[in-house]
Amino acid sequence: MTGPARRRVTANLALSLDGRYHGPGGPGDFSMFAPYVVSEVARRQLTRIWEGATTALLGRVNAEGFLGYWPSVAEDETADPRDRGYAKWLVDTEKVVLSTTLTEAPWDRTRVVNAPAAGLVTGLRAVGEGDILVNSSPSVIKPLLAADLVDRLYLMVLPEIAGDGQRLFDDGLPATKWRLTHQETGVLGEIALVCDRAR
């Protein structure tokens, strides 16, 4: 990053060993991820991703899915404090949803934008403060990686080979260098990684 006005763009995602963010059953197939998302390592990573962020950037599918789940966690006094902390942040923070089909915002404090991800992020990072978190939305992360606009990746690598499903790192991405700034392994073999773009 150059200049004080440029905000950091971060992105988080869970991946199988073969680099897939969902299983062979299609975009809704997260069965292989289920055992790992409530681990201590995963919950610490969940806290890590939002602590410095002031904007959540989501694709439509995740925005609608999150709306059905996280607000109730924010109100649940029996929920794990880390889950509840993330949920409260997500409910309260500025949210930008990239969509070509939504006509109204699915959340409070949300605006819907029908524009290319790279152009939107270039504008967002030039104003305001705090990280822009591309929140578990591969449809947004992929074009930002292609435009070399991601400054930090929060990845959970899970010890399973999905065998099929979509991959985050497609062929044809620009060659880039990254620094591993954090690594933690859980008892199930899940690995939390934080990688910063070396510029």
N, C-alpha and C. Protein backbone atom coordinates (compact mmCIF):
# COMPACT_ATOMS: atom_id res chain seq x y z
N MET A 1 0.84 -1.18 0.00
CA MET A 1 0.00 0.00 0.00
C MET A 1 0.89 1.24 0.00
N THR A 2 0.41 2.26 -0.68
CA THR A 2 1.14 3.50 -0.68
C THR A 2 0.19 4.63 -0.30
N GLY A 3 0.70 5.57 0.49
CA GLY A 3 -0.11 6.72 0.86
C GLY A 3 -1.01 6.44 2.04
N PRO A 4 -1.23 7.43 2.90
CA PRO A 4 -2.00 7.24 4.12
C PRO A 4 -3.48 6.99 3.88
N ALA A 5 -4.02 7.38 2.71
CA ALA A 5 -5.46 7.26 2.49
C ALA A 5 -5.87 5.88 2.02
N ARG A 6 -4.92 5.02 1.70
CA ARG A 6 -5.29 3.71 1.15
C ARG A 6 -5.57 2.72 2.25
N ARG A 7 -6.79 2.26 2.30
CA ARG A 7 -7.18 1.27 3.30
C ARG A 7 -6.72 -0.11 2.85
N ARG A 8 -6.50 -0.97 3.82
CA ARG A 8 -6.10 -2.34 3.51
C ARG A 8 -7.33 -3.15 3.12
N VAL A 9 -7.17 -3.98 2.10
CA VAL A 9 -8.24 -4.88 1.66
C VAL A 9 -7.86 -6.28 2.11
N THR A 10 -8.72 -6.89 2.92
CA THR A 10 -8.47 -8.23 3.44
C THR A 10 -9.57 -9.17 2.95
N ALA A 11 -9.28 -10.45 2.98
CA ALA A 11 -10.28 -11.44 2.54
C ALA A 11 -10.10 -12.70 3.35
N ASN A 12 -11.22 -13.35 3.68
CA ASN A 12 -11.14 -14.60 4.43
C ASN A 12 -11.91 -15.71 3.71
N LEU A 13 -11.39 -16.93 3.83
CA LEU A 13 -12.05 -18.08 3.20
C LEU A 13 -11.47 -19.36 3.79
N ALA A 14 -12.29 -20.39 3.83
CA ALA A 14 -11.84 -21.74 4.21
C ALA A 14 -11.67 -22.56 2.94
N LEU A 15 -10.57 -23.32 2.89
CA LEU A 15 -10.24 -24.10 1.69
C LEU A 15 -9.86 -25.53 2.08
N SER A 16 -10.18 -26.46 1.20
CA SER A 16 -9.69 -27.83 1.35
C SER A 16 -8.23 -27.88 0.91
N LEU A 17 -7.59 -29.02 1.13
CA LEU A 17 -6.19 -29.17 0.71
C LEU A 17 -6.03 -28.97 -0.79
N ASP A 18 -7.05 -29.33 -1.57
CA ASP A 18 -6.96 -29.13 -3.02
C ASP A 18 -7.52 -27.77 -3.44
N GLY A 19 -7.63 -26.85 -2.49
CA GLY A 19 -7.92 -25.47 -2.81
C GLY A 19 -9.36 -25.13 -3.11
N ARG A 20 -10.29 -25.99 -2.70
CA ARG A 20 -11.70 -25.77 -3.03
C ARG A 20 -12.44 -25.15 -1.85
N TYR A 21 -13.39 -24.27 -2.16
CA TYR A 21 -14.15 -23.60 -1.11
C TYR A 21 -15.55 -24.16 -0.95
N HIS A 22 -15.89 -25.18 -1.70
CA HIS A 22 -17.08 -25.98 -1.42
C HIS A 22 -16.85 -27.38 -1.97
N GLY A 23 -17.71 -28.30 -1.58
CA GLY A 23 -17.53 -29.69 -1.97
C GLY A 23 -18.16 -30.03 -3.31
N PRO A 24 -18.12 -31.30 -3.69
CA PRO A 24 -18.61 -31.74 -5.00
C PRO A 24 -20.12 -31.61 -5.17
N GLY A 25 -20.85 -31.39 -4.07
CA GLY A 25 -22.29 -31.24 -4.17
C GLY A 25 -22.76 -29.89 -4.65
N GLY A 26 -21.82 -28.98 -4.95
CA GLY A 26 -22.19 -27.66 -5.45
C GLY A 26 -21.94 -26.57 -4.43
N PRO A 27 -22.31 -25.33 -4.76
CA PRO A 27 -21.99 -24.18 -3.91
C PRO A 27 -22.52 -24.27 -2.49
N GLY A 28 -23.54 -25.07 -2.24
CA GLY A 28 -24.07 -25.20 -0.89
C GLY A 28 -23.48 -26.35 -0.11
N ASP A 29 -22.50 -27.06 -0.69
CA ASP A 29 -21.93 -28.24 -0.06
C ASP A 29 -20.74 -27.86 0.82
N PHE A 30 -21.02 -27.67 2.10
CA PHE A 30 -19.97 -27.32 3.06
C PHE A 30 -19.78 -28.44 4.10
N SER A 31 -20.23 -29.65 3.76
CA SER A 31 -20.20 -30.74 4.73
C SER A 31 -18.79 -31.04 5.23
N MET A 32 -17.80 -30.92 4.36
CA MET A 32 -16.43 -31.23 4.78
C MET A 32 -15.87 -30.16 5.72
N PHE A 33 -16.45 -28.95 5.69
CA PHE A 33 -15.96 -27.86 6.52
C PHE A 33 -16.55 -27.91 7.94
N ALA A 34 -17.71 -28.54 8.06
CA ALA A 34 -18.48 -28.46 9.31
C ALA A 34 -17.69 -28.83 10.58
N PRO A 35 -16.89 -29.91 10.58
CA PRO A 35 -16.20 -30.25 11.83
C PRO A 35 -15.19 -29.22 12.30
N TYR A 36 -14.77 -28.34 11.41
CA TYR A 36 -13.66 -27.44 11.72
C TYR A 36 -14.07 -26.03 12.13
N VAL A 37 -15.27 -25.61 11.75
CA VAL A 37 -15.62 -24.20 11.93
C VAL A 37 -15.84 -23.80 13.39
N VAL A 38 -16.02 -24.77 14.27
CA VAL A 38 -16.21 -24.45 15.68
C VAL A 38 -14.96 -24.77 16.51
N SER A 39 -13.85 -25.03 15.84
CA SER A 39 -12.61 -25.33 16.58
C SER A 39 -12.06 -24.05 17.20
N GLU A 40 -11.20 -24.22 18.19
CA GLU A 40 -10.57 -23.07 18.85
C GLU A 40 -9.77 -22.24 17.85
N VAL A 41 -9.05 -22.90 16.97
CA VAL A 41 -8.24 -22.20 15.97
C VAL A 41 -9.13 -21.41 15.01
N ALA A 42 -10.23 -22.02 14.57
CA ALA A 42 -11.15 -21.33 13.65
C ALA A 42 -11.79 -20.13 14.32
N ARG A 43 -12.14 -20.28 15.58
CA ARG A 43 -12.78 -19.16 16.28
C ARG A 43 -11.79 -18.02 16.55
N ARG A 44 -10.55 -18.36 16.81
CA ARG A 44 -9.54 -17.29 16.96
C ARG A 44 -9.33 -16.58 15.62
N GLN A 45 -9.35 -17.33 14.54
CA GLN A 45 -9.21 -16.72 13.21
C GLN A 45 -10.42 -15.83 12.91
N LEU A 46 -11.60 -16.27 13.31
CA LEU A 46 -12.81 -15.48 13.11
C LEU A 46 -12.69 -14.12 13.80
N THR A 47 -12.14 -14.11 15.00
CA THR A 47 -11.94 -12.85 15.71
C THR A 47 -10.89 -12.00 15.00
N ARG A 48 -9.84 -12.64 14.54
CA ARG A 48 -8.74 -11.93 13.88
C ARG A 48 -9.21 -11.16 12.64
N ILE A 49 -10.15 -11.76 11.88
CA ILE A 49 -10.50 -11.16 10.59
C ILE A 49 -11.24 -9.84 10.72
N TRP A 50 -12.03 -9.67 11.79
CA TRP A 50 -12.87 -8.47 11.85
C TRP A 50 -12.35 -7.38 12.75
N GLU A 51 -11.36 -7.67 13.58
CA GLU A 51 -10.95 -6.69 14.60
C GLU A 51 -10.54 -5.33 14.03
N GLY A 52 -9.89 -5.31 12.88
CA GLY A 52 -9.47 -4.03 12.32
C GLY A 52 -10.35 -3.54 11.19
N ALA A 53 -11.44 -4.25 10.91
CA ALA A 53 -12.26 -3.94 9.74
C ALA A 53 -13.42 -3.02 10.09
N THR A 54 -13.71 -2.09 9.19
CA THR A 54 -14.83 -1.18 9.38
C THR A 54 -15.85 -1.29 8.25
N THR A 55 -15.53 -2.07 7.23
CA THR A 55 -16.46 -2.31 6.11
C THR A 55 -16.43 -3.79 5.79
N ALA A 56 -17.62 -4.39 5.62
CA ALA A 56 -17.73 -5.77 5.15
C ALA A 56 -18.21 -5.72 3.70
N LEU A 57 -17.48 -6.37 2.82
CA LEU A 57 -17.84 -6.44 1.41
C LEU A 57 -18.25 -7.87 1.12
N LEU A 58 -19.48 -8.04 0.60
CA LEU A 58 -20.05 -9.38 0.41
C LEU A 58 -20.64 -9.52 -0.98
N GLY A 59 -20.65 -10.76 -1.47
CA GLY A 59 -21.46 -11.09 -2.63
C GLY A 59 -22.89 -11.33 -2.18
N ARG A 60 -23.81 -11.35 -3.12
CA ARG A 60 -25.23 -11.48 -2.79
C ARG A 60 -25.54 -12.76 -2.04
N VAL A 61 -25.01 -13.89 -2.49
CA VAL A 61 -25.35 -15.18 -1.88
C VAL A 61 -24.96 -15.20 -0.41
N ASN A 62 -23.74 -14.75 -0.11
CA ASN A 62 -23.31 -14.73 1.29
C ASN A 62 -24.09 -13.71 2.10
N ALA A 63 -24.38 -12.56 1.51
CA ALA A 63 -25.15 -11.55 2.25
C ALA A 63 -26.50 -12.11 2.68
N GLU A 64 -27.17 -12.80 1.78
CA GLU A 64 -28.48 -13.35 2.13
C GLU A 64 -28.36 -14.51 3.11
N GLY A 65 -27.34 -15.34 2.93
CA GLY A 65 -27.13 -16.45 3.85
C GLY A 65 -26.75 -15.99 5.25
N PHE A 66 -25.87 -15.00 5.32
CA PHE A 66 -25.45 -14.47 6.61
C PHE A 66 -26.63 -13.84 7.35
N LEU A 67 -27.51 -13.16 6.59
CA LEU A 67 -28.67 -12.50 7.19
C LEU A 67 -29.56 -13.51 7.92
N GLY A 68 -29.61 -14.73 7.39
CA GLY A 68 -30.45 -15.75 8.02
C GLY A 68 -29.83 -16.38 9.25
N TYR A 69 -28.57 -16.08 9.53
CA TYR A 69 -27.89 -16.76 10.63
C TYR A 69 -27.31 -15.82 11.69
N TRP A 70 -26.47 -14.87 11.27
CA TRP A 70 -25.67 -14.13 12.24
C TRP A 70 -26.44 -13.17 13.14
N PRO A 71 -27.52 -12.51 12.69
CA PRO A 71 -28.23 -11.62 13.63
C PRO A 71 -28.73 -12.35 14.88
N SER A 72 -29.17 -13.59 14.73
CA SER A 72 -29.65 -14.33 15.90
C SER A 72 -28.49 -14.68 16.84
N VAL A 73 -27.30 -14.92 16.28
CA VAL A 73 -26.12 -15.20 17.12
C VAL A 73 -25.75 -13.94 17.92
N ALA A 74 -25.88 -12.78 17.29
CA ALA A 74 -25.56 -11.52 17.98
C ALA A 74 -26.43 -11.32 19.22
N GLU A 75 -27.65 -11.85 19.19
CA GLU A 75 -28.59 -11.68 20.31
C GLU A 75 -28.53 -12.84 21.31
N ASP A 76 -27.82 -13.90 20.98
CA ASP A 76 -27.81 -15.11 21.79
C ASP A 76 -26.74 -15.03 22.88
N GLU A 77 -27.19 -14.82 24.11
CA GLU A 77 -26.24 -14.68 25.22
C GLU A 77 -25.52 -15.97 25.56
N THR A 78 -25.99 -17.10 25.05
CA THR A 78 -25.33 -18.37 25.31
C THR A 78 -24.33 -18.74 24.22
N ALA A 79 -24.25 -17.94 23.15
CA ALA A 79 -23.33 -18.23 22.06
C ALA A 79 -21.88 -18.04 22.52
N ASP A 80 -20.96 -18.73 21.85
CA ASP A 80 -19.54 -18.52 22.14
C ASP A 80 -19.23 -17.03 21.99
N PRO A 81 -18.51 -16.43 22.93
CA PRO A 81 -18.25 -14.99 22.87
C PRO A 81 -17.57 -14.54 21.57
N ARG A 82 -16.73 -15.42 20.99
CA ARG A 82 -16.06 -15.05 19.74
C ARG A 82 -17.05 -15.02 18.58
N ASP A 83 -17.97 -16.00 18.56
CA ASP A 83 -19.01 -15.99 17.53
C ASP A 83 -19.90 -14.77 17.70
N ARG A 84 -20.23 -14.47 18.94
CA ARG A 84 -21.12 -13.34 19.19
C ARG A 84 -20.44 -12.01 18.86
N GLY A 85 -19.14 -11.92 19.15
CA GLY A 85 -18.41 -10.71 18.81
C GLY A 85 -18.40 -10.45 17.32
N TYR A 86 -18.14 -11.49 16.55
CA TYR A 86 -18.16 -11.37 15.09
C TYR A 86 -19.57 -11.01 14.61
N ALA A 87 -20.57 -11.68 15.15
CA ALA A 87 -21.95 -11.43 14.72
C ALA A 87 -22.36 -10.00 15.00
N LYS A 88 -22.02 -9.48 16.17
CA LYS A 88 -22.36 -8.09 16.50
C LYS A 88 -21.65 -7.13 15.57
N TRP A 89 -20.38 -7.40 15.31
CA TRP A 89 -19.65 -6.55 14.36
C TRP A 89 -20.33 -6.56 12.99
N LEU A 90 -20.69 -7.74 12.51
CA LEU A 90 -21.29 -7.86 11.18
C LEU A 90 -22.63 -7.12 11.10
N VAL A 91 -23.42 -7.23 12.14
CA VAL A 91 -24.72 -6.55 12.16
C VAL A 91 -24.52 -5.03 12.18
N ASP A 92 -23.54 -4.56 12.96
CA ASP A 92 -23.40 -3.12 13.21
C ASP A 92 -22.53 -2.39 12.19
N THR A 93 -21.67 -3.10 11.47
CA THR A 93 -20.71 -2.41 10.61
C THR A 93 -21.33 -2.03 9.26
N GLU A 94 -20.64 -1.16 8.53
CA GLU A 94 -21.04 -0.83 7.16
C GLU A 94 -20.88 -2.07 6.28
N LYS A 95 -21.91 -2.37 5.51
CA LYS A 95 -21.86 -3.52 4.60
C LYS A 95 -22.13 -3.04 3.18
N VAL A 96 -21.32 -3.55 2.25
CA VAL A 96 -21.52 -3.27 0.83
C VAL A 96 -21.72 -4.62 0.15
N VAL A 97 -22.85 -4.77 -0.54
CA VAL A 97 -23.17 -6.03 -1.21
C VAL A 97 -23.08 -5.82 -2.71
N LEU A 98 -22.25 -6.63 -3.35
CA LEU A 98 -22.13 -6.59 -4.80
C LEU A 98 -23.18 -7.51 -5.40
N SER A 99 -24.06 -6.97 -6.23
CA SER A 99 -25.12 -7.77 -6.81
C SER A 99 -25.63 -7.13 -8.10
N THR A 100 -25.96 -7.98 -9.05
CA THR A 100 -26.60 -7.50 -10.28
C THR A 100 -28.11 -7.71 -10.23
N THR A 101 -28.61 -8.37 -9.16
CA THR A 101 -30.03 -8.72 -9.12
C THR A 101 -30.80 -8.09 -7.96
N LEU A 102 -30.14 -7.80 -6.84
CA LEU A 102 -30.84 -7.21 -5.71
C LEU A 102 -31.28 -5.78 -6.03
N THR A 103 -32.49 -5.45 -5.60
CA THR A 103 -32.98 -4.09 -5.80
C THR A 103 -33.05 -3.31 -4.50
N GLU A 104 -32.98 -4.00 -3.38
CA GLU A 104 -32.93 -3.31 -2.09
C GLU A 104 -32.00 -4.06 -1.15
N ALA A 105 -31.48 -3.33 -0.18
CA ALA A 105 -30.48 -3.89 0.73
C ALA A 105 -31.11 -4.93 1.66
N PRO A 106 -30.48 -6.09 1.82
CA PRO A 106 -31.04 -7.13 2.69
C PRO A 106 -30.77 -6.91 4.17
N TRP A 107 -29.93 -5.94 4.55
CA TRP A 107 -29.58 -5.67 5.94
C TRP A 107 -29.72 -4.18 6.21
N ASP A 108 -29.80 -3.82 7.50
CA ASP A 108 -29.57 -2.42 7.88
C ASP A 108 -28.10 -2.10 7.66
N ARG A 109 -27.80 -0.81 7.54
CA ARG A 109 -26.42 -0.34 7.35
C ARG A 109 -25.77 -0.98 6.13
N THR A 110 -26.55 -1.19 5.09
CA THR A 110 -26.08 -1.89 3.89
C THR A 110 -26.45 -1.11 2.64
N ARG A 111 -25.54 -1.12 1.70
CA ARG A 111 -25.90 -0.61 0.37
C ARG A 111 -25.56 -1.66 -0.67
N VAL A 112 -26.37 -1.71 -1.69
CA VAL A 112 -26.19 -2.66 -2.79
C VAL A 112 -25.56 -1.91 -3.95
N VAL A 113 -24.53 -2.50 -4.53
CA VAL A 113 -23.81 -1.88 -5.64
C VAL A 113 -23.74 -2.86 -6.79
N ASN A 114 -24.12 -2.42 -7.96
CA ASN A 114 -24.00 -3.21 -9.19
C ASN A 114 -22.85 -2.61 -9.98
N ALA A 115 -21.64 -3.11 -9.71
CA ALA A 115 -20.44 -2.57 -10.36
C ALA A 115 -19.35 -3.62 -10.27
N PRO A 116 -18.33 -3.53 -11.13
CA PRO A 116 -17.20 -4.46 -11.01
C PRO A 116 -16.51 -4.31 -9.65
N ALA A 117 -16.10 -5.43 -9.08
CA ALA A 117 -15.49 -5.43 -7.75
C ALA A 117 -14.24 -4.55 -7.69
N ALA A 118 -13.40 -4.62 -8.71
CA ALA A 118 -12.14 -3.88 -8.68
C ALA A 118 -12.38 -2.37 -8.61
N GLY A 119 -13.30 -1.88 -9.41
CA GLY A 119 -13.59 -0.45 -9.40
C GLY A 119 -14.19 -0.01 -8.08
N LEU A 120 -15.09 -0.81 -7.53
CA LEU A 120 -15.70 -0.48 -6.25
C LEU A 120 -14.65 -0.41 -5.15
N VAL A 121 -13.78 -1.41 -5.08
CA VAL A 121 -12.77 -1.46 -4.02
C VAL A 121 -11.77 -0.34 -4.16
N THR A 122 -11.40 0.00 -5.38
CA THR A 122 -10.48 1.12 -5.59
C THR A 122 -11.07 2.40 -4.99
N GLY A 123 -12.36 2.60 -5.17
CA GLY A 123 -13.02 3.76 -4.57
C GLY A 123 -13.11 3.68 -3.07
N LEU A 124 -13.47 2.51 -2.54
CA LEU A 124 -13.62 2.34 -1.09
C LEU A 124 -12.30 2.55 -0.36
N ARG A 125 -11.22 2.07 -0.92
CA ARG A 125 -9.95 2.12 -0.19
C ARG A 125 -9.36 3.52 -0.15
N ALA A 126 -9.88 4.42 -0.96
CA ALA A 126 -9.35 5.77 -1.01
C ALA A 126 -9.98 6.69 0.03
N VAL A 127 -11.04 6.25 0.69
CA VAL A 127 -11.73 7.10 1.67
C VAL A 127 -11.99 6.32 2.96
N GLY A 128 -12.04 7.02 4.06
CA GLY A 128 -12.35 6.38 5.32
C GLY A 128 -11.14 5.71 5.95
N GLU A 129 -11.42 4.96 7.00
CA GLU A 129 -10.36 4.28 7.74
C GLU A 129 -10.79 2.84 8.04
N GLY A 130 -9.84 2.02 8.42
CA GLY A 130 -10.11 0.64 8.78
C GLY A 130 -10.06 -0.27 7.57
N ASP A 131 -9.92 -1.57 7.85
CA ASP A 131 -9.84 -2.55 6.77
C ASP A 131 -11.18 -2.73 6.07
N ILE A 132 -11.09 -3.09 4.81
CA ILE A 132 -12.24 -3.54 4.04
C ILE A 132 -12.14 -5.05 3.99
N LEU A 133 -13.05 -5.75 4.66
CA LEU A 133 -13.01 -7.21 4.72
C LEU A 133 -13.94 -7.80 3.66
N VAL A 134 -13.35 -8.50 2.71
CA VAL A 134 -14.15 -9.25 1.74
C VAL A 134 -14.51 -10.55 2.45
N ASN A 135 -15.75 -10.63 2.88
CA ASN A 135 -16.16 -11.56 3.91
C ASN A 135 -16.63 -12.90 3.34
N SER A 136 -15.67 -13.81 3.16
CA SER A 136 -15.99 -15.19 2.78
C SER A 136 -16.81 -15.25 1.49
N SER A 137 -16.49 -14.36 0.54
CA SER A 137 -17.25 -14.26 -0.70
C SER A 137 -16.32 -14.47 -1.90
N PRO A 138 -16.14 -15.73 -2.34
CA PRO A 138 -15.21 -15.98 -3.44
C PRO A 138 -15.56 -15.26 -4.73
N SER A 139 -16.85 -14.98 -4.95
CA SER A 139 -17.23 -14.26 -6.18
C SER A 139 -16.66 -12.85 -6.20
N VAL A 140 -16.32 -12.32 -5.03
CA VAL A 140 -15.71 -11.00 -4.94
C VAL A 140 -14.18 -11.13 -4.81
N ILE A 141 -13.73 -12.11 -4.05
CA ILE A 141 -12.29 -12.28 -3.84
C ILE A 141 -11.57 -12.57 -5.15
N LYS A 142 -12.15 -13.42 -5.98
CA LYS A 142 -11.47 -13.81 -7.22
C LYS A 142 -11.14 -12.62 -8.13
N PRO A 143 -12.10 -11.75 -8.45
CA PRO A 143 -11.71 -10.62 -9.31
C PRO A 143 -10.75 -9.65 -8.63
N LEU A 144 -10.78 -9.57 -7.31
CA LEU A 144 -9.83 -8.70 -6.61
C LEU A 144 -8.43 -9.30 -6.65
N LEU A 145 -8.31 -10.62 -6.54
CA LEU A 145 -7.00 -11.26 -6.71
C LEU A 145 -6.48 -11.04 -8.13
N ALA A 146 -7.38 -11.15 -9.09
CA ALA A 146 -6.99 -10.96 -10.49
C ALA A 146 -6.49 -9.54 -10.74
N ALA A 147 -7.04 -8.57 -10.01
CA ALA A 147 -6.63 -7.17 -10.16
C ALA A 147 -5.52 -6.79 -9.16
N ASP A 148 -5.03 -7.77 -8.39
CA ASP A 148 -3.99 -7.55 -7.37
C ASP A 148 -4.39 -6.46 -6.38
N LEU A 149 -5.62 -6.55 -5.88
CA LEU A 149 -6.13 -5.56 -4.93
C LEU A 149 -6.31 -6.12 -3.52
N VAL A 150 -5.89 -7.35 -3.27
CA VAL A 150 -6.01 -7.93 -1.93
C VAL A 150 -4.67 -7.76 -1.22
N ASP A 151 -4.72 -7.19 -0.02
CA ASP A 151 -3.50 -6.94 0.76
C ASP A 151 -3.24 -8.01 1.81
N ARG A 152 -4.28 -8.68 2.26
CA ARG A 152 -4.12 -9.72 3.28
C ARG A 152 -5.13 -10.83 3.04
N LEU A 153 -4.68 -12.07 3.16
CA LEU A 153 -5.55 -13.25 3.08
C LEU A 153 -5.59 -13.95 4.44
N TYR A 154 -6.80 -14.17 4.94
CA TYR A 154 -7.01 -15.00 6.12
C TYR A 154 -7.56 -16.33 5.60
N LEU A 155 -6.77 -17.37 5.66
CA LEU A 155 -7.19 -18.66 5.11
C LEU A 155 -7.25 -19.71 6.21
N MET A 156 -8.30 -20.52 6.19
CA MET A 156 -8.36 -21.74 7.00
C MET A 156 -8.19 -22.89 6.02
N VAL A 157 -7.11 -23.64 6.17
CA VAL A 157 -6.84 -24.78 5.30
C VAL A 157 -7.21 -26.04 6.07
N LEU A 158 -8.12 -26.81 5.49
CA LEU A 158 -8.68 -27.97 6.19
C LEU A 158 -8.10 -29.26 5.61
N PRO A 159 -7.80 -30.24 6.47
CA PRO A 159 -7.08 -31.44 6.03
C PRO A 159 -7.98 -32.45 5.32
N GLU A 160 -8.61 -31.99 4.25
CA GLU A 160 -9.45 -32.86 3.44
C GLU A 160 -9.26 -32.52 1.97
N ILE A 161 -9.35 -33.52 1.13
CA ILE A 161 -9.35 -33.32 -0.32
C ILE A 161 -10.79 -33.44 -0.78
N ALA A 162 -11.32 -32.35 -1.33
CA ALA A 162 -12.72 -32.35 -1.77
C ALA A 162 -12.90 -33.15 -3.05
N GLY A 163 -11.92 -33.09 -3.94
CA GLY A 163 -12.00 -33.85 -5.19
C GLY A 163 -12.77 -33.16 -6.29
N ASP A 164 -13.66 -32.26 -5.92
CA ASP A 164 -14.43 -31.49 -6.90
C ASP A 164 -14.98 -30.26 -6.19
N GLY A 165 -15.47 -29.32 -6.96
CA GLY A 165 -15.92 -28.05 -6.40
C GLY A 165 -15.05 -26.94 -6.93
N GLN A 166 -15.45 -25.72 -6.68
CA GLN A 166 -14.73 -24.58 -7.24
C GLN A 166 -13.51 -24.23 -6.41
N ARG A 167 -12.47 -23.77 -7.11
CA ARG A 167 -11.22 -23.38 -6.47
C ARG A 167 -11.12 -21.87 -6.36
N LEU A 168 -10.42 -21.42 -5.34
CA LEU A 168 -10.20 -19.99 -5.18
C LEU A 168 -9.15 -19.50 -6.17
N PHE A 169 -8.05 -20.20 -6.28
CA PHE A 169 -6.93 -19.74 -7.10
C PHE A 169 -7.01 -20.36 -8.49
N ASP A 170 -7.64 -19.63 -9.39
CA ASP A 170 -7.79 -20.09 -10.77
C ASP A 170 -6.51 -19.88 -11.55
N ASP A 171 -6.34 -20.65 -12.63
CA ASP A 171 -5.24 -20.40 -13.55
C ASP A 171 -5.38 -19.01 -14.14
N GLY A 172 -4.24 -18.39 -14.41
CA GLY A 172 -4.26 -17.08 -15.05
C GLY A 172 -4.15 -15.91 -14.11
N LEU A 173 -4.12 -16.16 -12.78
CA LEU A 173 -3.93 -15.05 -11.85
C LEU A 173 -2.54 -14.44 -12.05
N PRO A 174 -2.38 -13.15 -11.77
CA PRO A 174 -1.04 -12.58 -11.86
C PRO A 174 -0.13 -13.19 -10.79
N ALA A 175 1.14 -13.36 -11.13
CA ALA A 175 2.10 -13.88 -10.16
C ALA A 175 2.32 -12.82 -9.08
N THR A 176 2.20 -13.23 -7.82
CA THR A 176 2.37 -12.30 -6.70
C THR A 176 3.15 -13.01 -5.58
N LYS A 177 3.76 -12.22 -4.72
CA LYS A 177 4.49 -12.77 -3.57
C LYS A 177 3.76 -12.38 -2.30
N TRP A 178 3.78 -13.31 -1.33
CA TRP A 178 3.07 -13.13 -0.06
C TRP A 178 3.99 -13.49 1.09
N ARG A 179 3.80 -12.81 2.23
CA ARG A 179 4.54 -13.13 3.45
C ARG A 179 3.60 -13.82 4.43
N LEU A 180 4.02 -14.94 4.98
CA LEU A 180 3.24 -15.61 6.02
C LEU A 180 3.48 -14.88 7.34
N THR A 181 2.42 -14.25 7.87
CA THR A 181 2.58 -13.45 9.09
C THR A 181 1.97 -14.11 10.32
N HIS A 182 1.19 -15.17 10.11
CA HIS A 182 0.64 -15.91 11.25
C HIS A 182 0.29 -17.31 10.78
N GLN A 183 0.54 -18.29 11.65
CA GLN A 183 0.18 -19.68 11.36
C GLN A 183 -0.16 -20.37 12.67
N GLU A 184 -1.25 -21.12 12.65
CA GLU A 184 -1.68 -21.84 13.85
C GLU A 184 -2.37 -23.12 13.41
N THR A 185 -2.03 -24.23 14.05
CA THR A 185 -2.61 -25.52 13.69
C THR A 185 -3.47 -26.03 14.83
N GLY A 186 -4.65 -26.53 14.48
CA GLY A 186 -5.57 -27.07 15.48
C GLY A 186 -5.45 -28.56 15.64
N VAL A 187 -6.16 -29.10 16.62
CA VAL A 187 -6.06 -30.52 16.95
C VAL A 187 -6.64 -31.41 15.85
N LEU A 188 -7.51 -30.89 15.01
CA LEU A 188 -8.06 -31.67 13.92
C LEU A 188 -7.22 -31.57 12.65
N GLY A 189 -6.13 -30.81 12.72
CA GLY A 189 -5.27 -30.63 11.57
C GLY A 189 -5.59 -29.39 10.74
N GLU A 190 -6.57 -28.61 11.18
CA GLU A 190 -6.90 -27.37 10.48
C GLU A 190 -5.79 -26.34 10.72
N ILE A 191 -5.51 -25.54 9.70
CA ILE A 191 -4.44 -24.56 9.79
C ILE A 191 -5.00 -23.17 9.49
N ALA A 192 -4.80 -22.26 10.41
CA ALA A 192 -5.15 -20.85 10.19
C ALA A 192 -3.90 -20.15 9.68
N LEU A 193 -4.03 -19.48 8.54
CA LEU A 193 -2.92 -18.75 7.94
C LEU A 193 -3.32 -17.30 7.74
N VAL A 194 -2.37 -16.42 7.97
CA VAL A 194 -2.53 -15.02 7.59
C VAL A 194 -1.36 -14.69 6.68
N CYS A 195 -1.67 -14.28 5.46
CA CYS A 195 -0.65 -13.97 4.46
C CYS A 195 -0.83 -12.54 3.97
N ASP A 196 0.25 -11.77 4.02
CA ASP A 196 0.23 -10.38 3.57
C ASP A 196 0.92 -10.25 2.22
N ARG A 197 0.32 -9.48 1.36
CA ARG A 197 0.88 -9.24 0.04
C ARG A 197 2.20 -8.49 0.19
N ALA A 198 3.26 -9.01 -0.42
CA ALA A 198 4.56 -8.35 -0.41
C ALA A 198 4.62 -7.41 -1.60
N ARG A 199 4.61 -6.12 -1.32
CA ARG A 199 4.58 -5.12 -2.41
C ARG A 199 5.88 -4.33 -2.41
